[in-house]
Amino acid sequence: MKDLSQFDLNLLRVFDAVARERHVTRAAARLNLSQPAVSNALNRLRAALGDELFLRAPQGVEPTSLALALTQPVEEMLDRLQETLAATAPFDPATSDRSFILAFSEYAEAVLAPPLFARLAHEAPKVLVAIRHADRTNATALLEANEVQLAIAVLPEPTALYTRLRLLPEAFMILTRPGHPLLDGELTTERYAAWPHLLHSPNGSRDGAMDRVLRELGHPRHLGGVVAHLSAVPGILLHTDMVMTLSSRLARQLSAAHGLALRALPQDAAEATKHTRLSMIFHRRFEADQGHAWLRRLLLVLAREVVADCPAGGRPEEKAAEPMG
């Protein structure tokens, strides 16, 4: 079919639901329609497009090659239409059932997600927030692909298509096992860089936030290991001589929960990282979206509360913390 003038565009909602669910009954429930109504709409689509689109399968239906080719364009078109309508509609968080897909770094998720979901439970109980991982390597791609509606991480300056809001000022701290030799005596950058370092890198990169800093200071560090998940960090540090550098708020959390020791960075390294901040970045097309604006304001408030409750700066006590519980 080449002429869209005779095509019922409402049928695309049915196509999208079946493509997402791969099941006619579940698609009908998603659309709040009867199964016969969805089946009838599929038959009309098949006649209009000259293709079966979805074939019966043991667990539901499977898309044909044409259906697979249409799935992403239809999904993107409907999502963009929904965004456009949402931007002009009044937004009441108390009654809205809108969904937001966000991209956070693991650190941003650790410090902002708990207060965010607590606030949503009281102020917007029907709003759904889904969080994906992002960092400086993939945040822009996620935004450009319209896969997320905003990103929060330590991010470079974006292009003019995006708005950037600076959030949490960040300091870094060193985590080690209790009794580690690095805890005693004067801490120079050379001494700090000489120990094997553990790097947390969900995307597998071997270049962390401190690597550029230490190279510029003339003391590149030696990586002793790279892990994808933060949950592995305490056990590794407690049973090796590796050290780890993390944002101070997250370092304090891990120290308190697992009995790890804390130490501040050497003075020159701390000075070189003092301007590091989390940033919120979003496409400018969302600036007039009332729901998006409400969520942005909420995140800004939560970030200020995090700063008030646990400032990033200051020099910690250089000793092992007592485990919690």
C-alpha atoms as a PDB file:
ATOM      1  CA  MET A   1       0.000   0.000   0.000  1.00  0.00           C
ATOM      2  CA  LYS A   2       1.461   3.300  -1.097  1.00  0.00           C
ATOM      3  CA  ASP A   3      -1.419   5.701  -0.417  1.00  0.00           C
ATOM      4  CA  LEU A   4      -2.084   6.502   3.259  1.00  0.00           C
ATOM      5  CA  SER A   5      -5.168   8.598   2.499  1.00  0.00           C
ATOM      6  CA  GLN A   6      -7.432   5.535   2.771  1.00  0.00           C
ATOM      7  CA  PHE A   7      -5.607   4.010   5.746  1.00  0.00           C
ATOM      8  CA  ASP A   8      -7.128   4.052   9.230  1.00  0.00           C
ATOM      9  CA  LEU A   9      -4.231   5.234  11.397  1.00  0.00           C
ATOM     10  CA  ASN A  10      -6.028   3.987  14.518  1.00  0.00           C
ATOM     11  CA  LEU A  11      -5.039   0.501  13.390  1.00  0.00           C
ATOM     12  CA  LEU A  12      -1.423   1.351  14.208  1.00  0.00           C
ATOM     13  CA  ARG A  13      -2.249   1.308  17.923  1.00  0.00           C
ATOM     14  CA  VAL A  14      -3.442  -2.262  17.503  1.00  0.00           C
ATOM     15  CA  PHE A  15      -0.334  -3.158  15.527  1.00  0.00           C
ATOM     16  CA  ASP A  16       1.893  -1.646  18.224  1.00  0.00           C
ATOM     17  CA  ALA A  17       0.131  -3.493  21.053  1.00  0.00           C
ATOM     18  CA  VAL A  18       0.347  -6.862  19.295  1.00  0.00           C
ATOM     19  CA  ALA A  19       3.983  -6.249  18.354  1.00  0.00           C
ATOM     20  CA  ARG A  20       4.858  -5.457  21.962  1.00  0.00           C
ATOM     21  CA  GLU A  21       2.853  -8.265  23.557  1.00  0.00           C
ATOM     22  CA  ARG A  22       3.269 -10.945  20.845  1.00  0.00           C
ATOM     23  CA  HIS A  23      -0.145 -12.143  21.993  1.00  0.00           C
ATOM     24  CA  VAL A  24      -3.599 -11.052  20.781  1.00  0.00           C
ATOM     25  CA  THR A  25      -5.392 -11.496  24.119  1.00  0.00           C
ATOM     26  CA  ARG A  26      -2.756  -9.552  26.048  1.00  0.00           C
ATOM     27  CA  ALA A  27      -2.787  -6.858  23.357  1.00  0.00           C
ATOM     28  CA  ALA A  28      -6.578  -6.578  23.753  1.00  0.00           C
ATOM     29  CA  ALA A  29      -6.169  -6.137  27.517  1.00  0.00           C
ATOM     30  CA  ARG A  30      -3.470  -3.518  26.933  1.00  0.00           C
ATOM     31  CA  LEU A  31      -5.828  -1.573  24.664  1.00  0.00           C
ATOM     32  CA  ASN A  32      -8.921  -2.186  26.824  1.00  0.00           C
ATOM     33  CA  LEU A  33     -10.623  -3.818  23.837  1.00  0.00           C
ATOM     34  CA  SER A  34     -12.208  -7.215  23.285  1.00  0.00           C
ATOM     35  CA  GLN A  35     -10.196  -9.940  21.597  1.00  0.00           C
ATOM     36  CA  PRO A  36     -12.585 -10.069  18.601  1.00  0.00           C
ATOM     37  CA  ALA A  37     -12.140  -6.322  18.133  1.00  0.00           C
ATOM     38  CA  VAL A  38      -8.357  -6.713  18.034  1.00  0.00           C
ATOM     39  CA  SER A  39      -8.596  -9.686  15.675  1.00  0.00           C
ATOM     40  CA  ASN A  40     -10.870  -7.689  13.375  1.00  0.00           C
ATOM     41  CA  ALA A  41      -8.426  -4.772  13.383  1.00  0.00           C
ATOM     42  CA  LEU A  42      -5.569  -7.157  12.521  1.00  0.00           C
ATOM     43  CA  ASN A  43      -7.557  -8.524   9.605  1.00  0.00           C
ATOM     44  CA  ARG A  44      -8.092  -4.998   8.304  1.00  0.00           C
ATOM     45  CA  LEU A  45      -4.355  -4.310   8.666  1.00  0.00           C
ATOM     46  CA  ARG A  46      -3.510  -7.505   6.782  1.00  0.00           C
ATOM     47  CA  ALA A  47      -5.831  -6.556   3.950  1.00  0.00           C
ATOM     48  CA  ALA A  48      -4.456  -3.014   3.770  1.00  0.00           C
ATOM     49  CA  LEU A  49      -0.805  -4.062   3.842  1.00  0.00           C
ATOM     50  CA  GLY A  50      -1.070  -7.300   1.889  1.00  0.00           C
ATOM     51  CA  ASP A  51       0.830  -9.279   4.532  1.00  0.00           C
ATOM     52  CA  GLU A  52      -0.042 -11.676   7.346  1.00  0.00           C
ATOM     53  CA  LEU A  53       1.927  -9.489   9.791  1.00  0.00           C
ATOM     54  CA  PHE A  54       1.579 -11.919  12.723  1.00  0.00           C
ATOM     55  CA  LEU A  55       1.607 -15.700  12.489  1.00  0.00           C
ATOM     56  CA  ARG A  56       0.224 -18.101  15.072  1.00  0.00           C
ATOM     57  CA  ALA A  57       2.846 -19.543  17.410  1.00  0.00           C
ATOM     58  CA  PRO A  58       2.676 -21.868  20.456  1.00  0.00           C
ATOM     59  CA  GLN A  59       2.975 -18.981  22.910  1.00  0.00           C
ATOM     60  CA  GLY A  60       1.045 -16.363  20.931  1.00  0.00           C
ATOM     61  CA  VAL A  61       2.044 -14.817  17.603  1.00  0.00           C
ATOM     62  CA  GLU A  62       5.302 -14.175  15.756  1.00  0.00           C
ATOM     63  CA  PRO A  63       5.838 -11.142  13.468  1.00  0.00           C
ATOM     64  CA  THR A  64       6.582 -11.518   9.779  1.00  0.00           C
ATOM     65  CA  SER A  65       9.535  -9.732   8.211  1.00  0.00           C
ATOM     66  CA  LEU A  66       7.299  -6.796   7.238  1.00  0.00           C
ATOM     67  CA  ALA A  67       5.922  -6.551  10.790  1.00  0.00           C
ATOM     68  CA  LEU A  68       9.462  -6.563  12.170  1.00  0.00           C
ATOM     69  CA  ALA A  69      10.415  -3.760   9.784  1.00  0.00           C
ATOM     70  CA  LEU A  70       7.386  -1.710  10.843  1.00  0.00           C
ATOM     71  CA  THR A  71       7.671  -2.264  14.602  1.00  0.00           C
ATOM     72  CA  GLN A  72      10.251   0.387  15.461  1.00  0.00           C
ATOM     73  CA  PRO A  73       8.892   3.173  13.188  1.00  0.00           C
ATOM     74  CA  VAL A  74       5.361   2.642  14.478  1.00  0.00           C
ATOM     75  CA  GLU A  75       6.517   2.535  18.100  1.00  0.00           C
ATOM     76  CA  GLU A  76       8.574   5.721  17.687  1.00  0.00           C
ATOM     77  CA  MET A  77       5.733   7.542  15.943  1.00  0.00           C
ATOM     78  CA  LEU A  78       3.199   6.661  18.637  1.00  0.00           C
ATOM     79  CA  ASP A  79       5.645   7.495  21.432  1.00  0.00           C
ATOM     80  CA  ARG A  80       6.424  10.867  19.869  1.00  0.00           C
ATOM     81  CA  LEU A  81       2.709  11.572  19.447  1.00  0.00           C
ATOM     82  CA  GLN A  82       2.130  10.657  23.093  1.00  0.00           C
ATOM     83  CA  GLU A  83       4.951  12.999  24.149  1.00  0.00           C
ATOM     84  CA  THR A  84       3.479  15.825  22.075  1.00  0.00           C
ATOM     85  CA  LEU A  85       0.022  15.378  23.579  1.00  0.00           C
ATOM     86  CA  ALA A  86       1.469  15.055  27.092  1.00  0.00           C
ATOM     87  CA  ALA A  87       3.403  18.296  26.671  1.00  0.00           C
ATOM     88  CA  THR A  88       0.187  20.250  26.090  1.00  0.00           C
ATOM     89  CA  ALA A  89      -1.949  18.466  28.669  1.00  0.00           C
ATOM     90  CA  PRO A  90      -2.287  19.620  32.282  1.00  0.00           C
ATOM     91  CA  PHE A  91      -0.315  17.414  34.669  1.00  0.00           C
ATOM     92  CA  ASP A  92      -1.558  16.457  38.111  1.00  0.00           C
ATOM     93  CA  PRO A  93       0.938  14.163  39.845  1.00  0.00           C
ATOM     94  CA  ALA A  94      -1.690  12.960  42.305  1.00  0.00           C
ATOM     95  CA  THR A  95      -3.813  11.426  39.546  1.00  0.00           C
ATOM     96  CA  SER A  96      -1.432  10.938  36.589  1.00  0.00           C
ATOM     97  CA  ASP A  97      -0.559   7.414  35.466  1.00  0.00           C
ATOM     98  CA  ARG A  98       2.206   8.588  33.155  1.00  0.00           C
ATOM     99  CA  SER A  99       5.448   6.622  32.723  1.00  0.00           C
ATOM    100  CA  PHE A 100       8.934   8.138  32.613  1.00  0.00           C
ATOM    101  CA  ILE A 101      12.073   6.315  31.471  1.00  0.00           C
ATOM    102  CA  LEU A 102      15.209   7.809  32.992  1.00  0.00           C
ATOM    103  CA  ALA A 103      18.906   7.001  32.697  1.00  0.00           C
ATOM    104  CA  PHE A 104      21.048   7.227  35.843  1.00  0.00           C
ATOM    105  CA  SER A 105      24.619   6.354  36.582  1.00  0.00           C
ATOM    106  CA  GLU A 106      24.901   3.783  39.357  1.00  0.00           C
ATOM    107  CA  TYR A 107      25.978   6.509  41.755  1.00  0.00           C
ATOM    108  CA  ALA A 108      23.066   8.767  40.780  1.00  0.00           C
ATOM    109  CA  GLU A 109      20.700   5.845  41.240  1.00  0.00           C
ATOM    110  CA  ALA A 110      22.164   5.007  44.658  1.00  0.00           C
ATOM    111  CA  VAL A 111      21.705   8.515  46.061  1.00  0.00           C
ATOM    112  CA  LEU A 112      18.642   9.798  44.167  1.00  0.00           C
ATOM    113  CA  ALA A 113      16.432   6.763  43.490  1.00  0.00           C
ATOM    114  CA  PRO A 114      15.543   5.999  47.151  1.00  0.00           C
ATOM    115  CA  PRO A 115      14.237   9.509  47.932  1.00  0.00           C
ATOM    116  CA  LEU A 116      12.655   9.734  44.472  1.00  0.00           C
ATOM    117  CA  PHE A 117      10.562   6.597  44.885  1.00  0.00           C
ATOM    118  CA  ALA A 118       9.667   7.555  48.454  1.00  0.00           C
ATOM    119  CA  ARG A 119       8.395  10.922  47.221  1.00  0.00           C
ATOM    120  CA  LEU A 120       6.511   9.347  44.306  1.00  0.00           C
ATOM    121  CA  ALA A 121       4.702   6.998  46.682  1.00  0.00           C
ATOM    122  CA  HIS A 122       3.220  10.013  48.475  1.00  0.00           C
ATOM    123  CA  GLU A 123       2.844  12.598  45.718  1.00  0.00           C
ATOM    124  CA  ALA A 124       2.333  10.565  42.536  1.00  0.00           C
ATOM    125  CA  PRO A 125       1.325   6.998  43.409  1.00  0.00           C
ATOM    126  CA  LYS A 126       0.276   6.074  39.851  1.00  0.00           C
ATOM    127  CA  VAL A 127       3.311   7.541  38.090  1.00  0.00           C
ATOM    128  CA  LEU A 128       5.784   4.905  36.922  1.00  0.00           C
ATOM    129  CA  VAL A 129       9.507   5.693  36.797  1.00  0.00           C
ATOM    130  CA  ALA A 130      11.803   3.164  35.128  1.00  0.00           C
ATOM    131  CA  ILE A 131      15.568   3.683  35.472  1.00  0.00           C
ATOM    132  CA  ARG A 132      18.198   2.483  33.011  1.00  0.00           C
ATOM    133  CA  HIS A 133      21.956   2.601  33.390  1.00  0.00           C
ATOM    134  CA  ALA A 134      23.823   5.520  31.855  1.00  0.00           C
ATOM    135  CA  ASP A 135      27.286   7.007  32.046  1.00  0.00           C
ATOM    136  CA  ARG A 136      29.396   9.384  29.980  1.00  0.00           C
ATOM    137  CA  THR A 137      29.807   6.736  27.247  1.00  0.00           C
ATOM    138  CA  ASN A 138      26.146   6.077  26.425  1.00  0.00           C
ATOM    139  CA  ALA A 139      23.917   8.790  27.906  1.00  0.00           C
ATOM    140  CA  THR A 140      23.891  10.956  24.787  1.00  0.00           C
ATOM    141  CA  ALA A 141      23.097   7.980  22.553  1.00  0.00           C
ATOM    142  CA  LEU A 142      20.154   7.014  24.761  1.00  0.00           C
ATOM    143  CA  LEU A 143      18.801  10.554  24.614  1.00  0.00           C
ATOM    144  CA  GLU A 144      19.295  10.860  20.867  1.00  0.00           C
ATOM    145  CA  ALA A 145      17.514   7.550  20.273  1.00  0.00           C
ATOM    146  CA  ASN A 146      14.630   8.808  22.435  1.00  0.00           C
ATOM    147  CA  GLU A 147      15.021   5.735  24.637  1.00  0.00           C
ATOM    148  CA  VAL A 148      15.082   7.852  27.801  1.00  0.00           C
ATOM    149  CA  GLN A 149      13.609  11.227  28.703  1.00  0.00           C
ATOM    150  CA  LEU A 150      16.479  12.519  30.805  1.00  0.00           C
ATOM    151  CA  ALA A 151      19.877  11.349  32.001  1.00  0.00           C
ATOM    152  CA  ILE A 152      21.745  11.986  35.243  1.00  0.00           C
ATOM    153  CA  ALA A 153      25.453  11.179  35.521  1.00  0.00           C
ATOM    154  CA  VAL A 154      28.840  12.888  35.406  1.00  0.00           C
ATOM    155  CA  LEU A 155      28.455  14.026  31.808  1.00  0.00           C
ATOM    156  CA  PRO A 156      30.290  16.236  29.304  1.00  0.00           C
ATOM    157  CA  GLU A 157      28.734  19.415  27.946  1.00  0.00           C
ATOM    158  CA  PRO A 158      25.960  18.453  25.467  1.00  0.00           C
ATOM    159  CA  THR A 159      25.074  19.994  22.116  1.00  0.00           C
ATOM    160  CA  ALA A 160      22.652  22.901  21.800  1.00  0.00           C
ATOM    161  CA  LEU A 161      19.734  20.476  21.354  1.00  0.00           C
ATOM    162  CA  TYR A 162      19.967  19.577  25.037  1.00  0.00           C
ATOM    163  CA  THR A 163      19.557  21.422  28.305  1.00  0.00           C
ATOM    164  CA  ARG A 164      22.015  20.723  31.109  1.00  0.00           C
ATOM    165  CA  LEU A 165      21.323  21.335  34.792  1.00  0.00           C
ATOM    166  CA  ARG A 166      24.112  20.838  37.290  1.00  0.00           C
ATOM    167  CA  LEU A 167      23.126  18.876  40.371  1.00  0.00           C
ATOM    168  CA  LEU A 168      25.281  17.413  43.123  1.00  0.00           C
ATOM    169  CA  PRO A 169      28.776  18.733  43.712  1.00  0.00           C
ATOM    170  CA  GLU A 170      30.966  15.712  44.202  1.00  0.00           C
ATOM    171  CA  ALA A 171      34.102  14.807  46.080  1.00  0.00           C
ATOM    172  CA  PHE A 172      35.877  11.458  45.966  1.00  0.00           C
ATOM    173  CA  MET A 173      37.161   9.206  48.717  1.00  0.00           C
ATOM    174  CA  ILE A 174      39.288   6.093  48.985  1.00  0.00           C
ATOM    175  CA  LEU A 175      37.896   2.770  50.243  1.00  0.00           C
ATOM    176  CA  THR A 176      40.127  -0.015  51.557  1.00  0.00           C
ATOM    177  CA  ARG A 177      40.002  -2.919  53.965  1.00  0.00           C
ATOM    178  CA  PRO A 178      40.581  -2.037  57.624  1.00  0.00           C
ATOM    179  CA  GLY A 179      44.271  -2.126  58.476  1.00  0.00           C
ATOM    180  CA  HIS A 180      45.408  -1.383  54.926  1.00  0.00           C
ATOM    181  CA  PRO A 181      48.914   0.185  54.871  1.00  0.00           C
ATOM    182  CA  LEU A 182      47.564   3.121  52.849  1.00  0.00           C
ATOM    183  CA  LEU A 183      45.639   4.276  55.934  1.00  0.00           C
ATOM    184  CA  ASP A 184      48.820   5.107  57.857  1.00  0.00           C
ATOM    185  CA  GLY A 185      51.182   7.989  57.371  1.00  0.00           C
ATOM    186  CA  GLU A 186      51.216  10.844  54.889  1.00  0.00           C
ATOM    187  CA  LEU A 187      49.233  10.159  51.761  1.00  0.00           C
ATOM    188  CA  THR A 188      50.900  11.428  48.601  1.00  0.00           C
ATOM    189  CA  THR A 189      49.539  10.973  45.096  1.00  0.00           C
ATOM    190  CA  GLU A 190      52.519   8.787  44.226  1.00  0.00           C
ATOM    191  CA  ARG A 191      51.820   6.485  47.164  1.00  0.00           C
ATOM    192  CA  TYR A 192      48.094   6.414  46.428  1.00  0.00           C
ATOM    193  CA  ALA A 193      48.628   5.563  42.737  1.00  0.00           C
ATOM    194  CA  ALA A 194      51.133   2.788  43.502  1.00  0.00           C
ATOM    195  CA  TRP A 195      48.600   0.413  45.038  1.00  0.00           C
ATOM    196  CA  PRO A 196      46.412  -1.772  42.758  1.00  0.00           C
ATOM    197  CA  HIS A 197      43.075  -0.062  42.141  1.00  0.00           C
ATOM    198  CA  LEU A 198      39.657  -1.620  41.773  1.00  0.00           C
ATOM    199  CA  LEU A 199      37.469   0.062  39.151  1.00  0.00           C
ATOM    200  CA  HIS A 200      33.681  -0.171  39.023  1.00  0.00           C
ATOM    201  CA  SER A 201      32.691   0.006  35.345  1.00  0.00           C
ATOM    202  CA  PRO A 202      29.254  -1.304  34.269  1.00  0.00           C
ATOM    203  CA  ASN A 203      30.149  -0.885  30.587  1.00  0.00           C
ATOM    204  CA  GLY A 204      33.562  -2.576  30.825  1.00  0.00           C
ATOM    205  CA  SER A 205      35.646   0.559  30.282  1.00  0.00           C
ATOM    206  CA  ARG A 206      39.083   0.560  31.901  1.00  0.00           C
ATOM    207  CA  ASP A 207      39.234   4.350  32.081  1.00  0.00           C
ATOM    208  CA  GLY A 208      37.659   5.734  35.246  1.00  0.00           C
ATOM    209  CA  ALA A 209      37.087   9.241  36.555  1.00  0.00           C
ATOM    210  CA  MET A 210      40.459   9.306  38.344  1.00  0.00           C
ATOM    211  CA  ASP A 211      42.612   8.047  35.472  1.00  0.00           C
ATOM    212  CA  ARG A 212      42.833  11.347  33.582  1.00  0.00           C
ATOM    213  CA  VAL A 213      43.499  13.193  36.834  1.00  0.00           C
ATOM    214  CA  LEU A 214      46.330  10.885  37.873  1.00  0.00           C
ATOM    215  CA  ARG A 215      47.891  10.883  34.403  1.00  0.00           C
ATOM    216  CA  GLU A 216      47.928  14.675  34.411  1.00  0.00           C
ATOM    217  CA  LEU A 217      49.529  14.627  37.876  1.00  0.00           C
ATOM    218  CA  GLY A 218      52.224  12.333  36.544  1.00  0.00           C
ATOM    219  CA  HIS A 219      51.217   9.252  38.511  1.00  0.00           C
ATOM    220  CA  PRO A 220      49.077   6.911  36.359  1.00  0.00           C
ATOM    221  CA  ARG A 221      47.507   4.200  38.445  1.00  0.00           C
ATOM    222  CA  HIS A 222      47.678   0.443  38.093  1.00  0.00           C
ATOM    223  CA  LEU A 223      44.327  -1.340  37.740  1.00  0.00           C
ATOM    224  CA  GLY A 224      44.117  -4.460  39.830  1.00  0.00           C
ATOM    225  CA  GLY A 225      40.601  -5.345  38.676  1.00  0.00           C
ATOM    226  CA  VAL A 226      37.446  -4.123  36.958  1.00  0.00           C
ATOM    227  CA  VAL A 227      33.945  -5.126  38.099  1.00  0.00           C
ATOM    228  CA  ALA A 228      30.568  -4.496  36.484  1.00  0.00           C
ATOM    229  CA  HIS A 229      28.479  -4.547  39.658  1.00  0.00           C
ATOM    230  CA  LEU A 230      28.921  -2.497  42.797  1.00  0.00           C
ATOM    231  CA  SER A 231      27.665  -5.390  44.938  1.00  0.00           C
ATOM    232  CA  ALA A 232      30.963  -7.215  44.303  1.00  0.00           C
ATOM    233  CA  VAL A 233      33.113  -4.376  45.631  1.00  0.00           C
ATOM    234  CA  PRO A 234      32.984  -4.907  49.421  1.00  0.00           C
ATOM    235  CA  GLY A 235      34.005  -8.559  49.277  1.00  0.00           C
ATOM    236  CA  ILE A 236      36.908  -7.803  46.947  1.00  0.00           C
ATOM    237  CA  LEU A 237      38.239  -4.914  49.019  1.00  0.00           C
ATOM    238  CA  LEU A 238      37.902  -6.793  52.309  1.00  0.00           C
ATOM    239  CA  HIS A 239      40.009  -9.702  51.037  1.00  0.00           C
ATOM    240  CA  THR A 240      42.678  -7.968  48.936  1.00  0.00           C
ATOM    241  CA  ASP A 241      45.053  -5.018  49.128  1.00  0.00           C
ATOM    242  CA  MET A 242      43.227  -3.252  46.309  1.00  0.00           C
ATOM    243  CA  VAL A 243      41.948   0.272  46.894  1.00  0.00           C
ATOM    244  CA  MET A 244      38.967   1.954  45.310  1.00  0.00           C
ATOM    245  CA  THR A 245      38.049   5.577  44.650  1.00  0.00           C
ATOM    246  CA  LEU A 246      34.340   6.414  44.718  1.00  0.00           C
ATOM    247  CA  SER A 247      32.113   9.433  45.123  1.00  0.00           C
ATOM    248  CA  SER A 248      32.157  10.374  48.791  1.00  0.00           C
ATOM    249  CA  ARG A 249      28.460   9.778  49.444  1.00  0.00           C
ATOM    250  CA  LEU A 250      28.536   6.312  47.956  1.00  0.00           C
ATOM    251  CA  ALA A 251      31.855   5.535  49.655  1.00  0.00           C
ATOM    252  CA  ARG A 252      30.365   6.445  53.025  1.00  0.00           C
ATOM    253  CA  GLN A 253      27.374   4.168  52.384  1.00  0.00           C
ATOM    254  CA  LEU A 254      29.595   1.196  51.543  1.00  0.00           C
ATOM    255  CA  SER A 255      31.893   1.928  54.462  1.00  0.00           C
ATOM    256  CA  ALA A 256      29.054   2.016  56.973  1.00  0.00           C
ATOM    257  CA  ALA A 257      27.344  -1.070  55.570  1.00  0.00           C
ATOM    258  CA  HIS A 258      30.411  -3.298  55.169  1.00  0.00           C
ATOM    259  CA  GLY A 259      33.033  -2.087  57.636  1.00  0.00           C
ATOM    260  CA  LEU A 260      35.372  -0.700  54.994  1.00  0.00           C
ATOM    261  CA  ALA A 261      37.896   2.000  55.822  1.00  0.00           C
ATOM    262  CA  LEU A 262      37.775   5.510  54.377  1.00  0.00           C
ATOM    263  CA  ARG A 263      40.498   7.969  53.552  1.00  0.00           C
ATOM    264  CA  ALA A 264      40.427  11.307  51.757  1.00  0.00           C
ATOM    265  CA  LEU A 265      42.262  11.739  48.475  1.00  0.00           C
ATOM    266  CA  PRO A 266      45.726  13.289  48.409  1.00  0.00           C
ATOM    267  CA  GLN A 267      45.398  17.062  48.341  1.00  0.00           C
ATOM    268  CA  ASP A 268      46.442  17.587  44.696  1.00  0.00           C
ATOM    269  CA  ALA A 269      44.086  14.863  43.446  1.00  0.00           C
ATOM    270  CA  ALA A 270      41.245  16.283  45.543  1.00  0.00           C
ATOM    271  CA  GLU A 271      41.907  19.740  44.123  1.00  0.00           C
ATOM    272  CA  ALA A 272      41.868  18.398  40.549  1.00  0.00           C
ATOM    273  CA  THR A 273      38.435  16.797  41.039  1.00  0.00           C
ATOM    274  CA  LYS A 274      36.725  19.499  43.095  1.00  0.00           C
ATOM    275  CA  HIS A 275      34.560  20.744  40.205  1.00  0.00           C
ATOM    276  CA  THR A 276      33.114  17.313  39.373  1.00  0.00           C
ATOM    277  CA  ARG A 277      29.304  17.324  39.484  1.00  0.00           C
ATOM    278  CA  LEU A 278      26.378  15.179  38.509  1.00  0.00           C
ATOM    279  CA  SER A 279      24.423  16.732  35.642  1.00  0.00           C
ATOM    280  CA  MET A 280      20.868  16.306  34.430  1.00  0.00           C
ATOM    281  CA  ILE A 281      20.566  16.426  30.639  1.00  0.00           C
ATOM    282  CA  PHE A 282      17.376  16.336  28.576  1.00  0.00           C
ATOM    283  CA  HIS A 283      16.249  17.217  25.049  1.00  0.00           C
ATOM    284  CA  ARG A 284      14.860  20.728  24.674  1.00  0.00           C
ATOM    285  CA  ARG A 285      11.636  19.377  23.203  1.00  0.00           C
ATOM    286  CA  PHE A 286      10.657  18.421  26.786  1.00  0.00           C
ATOM    287  CA  GLU A 287      11.056  21.941  28.193  1.00  0.00           C
ATOM    288  CA  ALA A 288       7.341  22.793  27.828  1.00  0.00           C
ATOM    289  CA  ASP A 289       6.155  19.326  28.904  1.00  0.00           C
ATOM    290  CA  GLN A 290       4.378  19.892  32.222  1.00  0.00           C
ATOM    291  CA  GLY A 291       4.894  16.359  33.505  1.00  0.00           C
ATOM    292  CA  HIS A 292       8.557  16.342  32.543  1.00  0.00           C
ATOM    293  CA  ALA A 293       9.014  19.763  34.159  1.00  0.00           C
ATOM    294  CA  TRP A 294       7.418  18.494  37.380  1.00  0.00           C
ATOM    295  CA  LEU A 295       9.799  15.526  37.466  1.00  0.00           C
ATOM    296  CA  ARG A 296      12.809  17.765  36.782  1.00  0.00           C
ATOM    297  CA  ARG A 297      11.829  20.077  39.629  1.00  0.00           C
ATOM    298  CA  LEU A 298      11.389  17.107  41.950  1.00  0.00           C
ATOM    299  CA  LEU A 299      14.839  15.750  41.093  1.00  0.00           C
ATOM    300  CA  LEU A 300      16.400  19.170  41.672  1.00  0.00           C
ATOM    301  CA  VAL A 301      14.736  19.383  45.098  1.00  0.00           C
ATOM    302  CA  LEU A 302      15.925  15.888  45.997  1.00  0.00           C
ATOM    303  CA  ALA A 303      19.472  16.713  44.908  1.00  0.00           C
ATOM    304  CA  ARG A 304      19.485  19.768  47.178  1.00  0.00           C
ATOM    305  CA  GLU A 305      18.199  17.646  50.052  1.00  0.00           C
ATOM    306  CA  VAL A 306      20.962  15.094  49.474  1.00  0.00           C
ATOM    307  CA  VAL A 307      23.553  17.879  49.647  1.00  0.00           C
ATOM    308  CA  ALA A 308      22.025  19.186  52.888  1.00  0.00           C
ATOM    309  CA  ASP A 309      21.893  15.732  54.488  1.00  0.00           C
ATOM    310  CA  CYS A 310      25.345  14.549  53.366  1.00  0.00           C
ATOM    311  CA  PRO A 311      27.707  17.192  51.996  1.00  0.00           C
ATOM    312  CA  ALA A 312      30.283  15.872  49.562  1.00  0.00           C
ATOM    313  CA  GLY A 313      33.148  17.910  50.957  1.00  0.00           C
ATOM    314  CA  GLY A 314      34.975  17.682  54.249  1.00  0.00           C
ATOM    315  CA  ARG A 315      37.643  15.320  55.366  1.00  0.00           C
ATOM    316  CA  PRO A 316      36.455  12.023  56.825  1.00  0.00           C
ATOM    317  CA  GLU A 317      37.811  10.215  59.805  1.00  0.00           C
ATOM    318  CA  GLU A 318      40.540   7.991  58.468  1.00  0.00           C
ATOM    319  CA  LYS A 319      39.595   4.745  60.172  1.00  0.00           C
ATOM    320  CA  ALA A 320      37.412   1.729  59.703  1.00  0.00           C
ATOM    321  CA  ALA A 321      33.709   2.413  60.021  1.00  0.00           C
ATOM    322  CA  GLU A 322      31.513   0.335  62.263  1.00  0.00           C
ATOM    323  CA  PRO A 323      29.284  -2.075  60.281  1.00  0.00           C
ATOM    324  CA  MET A 324      25.565  -1.402  60.312  1.00  0.00           C
ATOM    325  CA  GLY A 325      23.307  -4.033  61.892  1.00  0.00           C
END
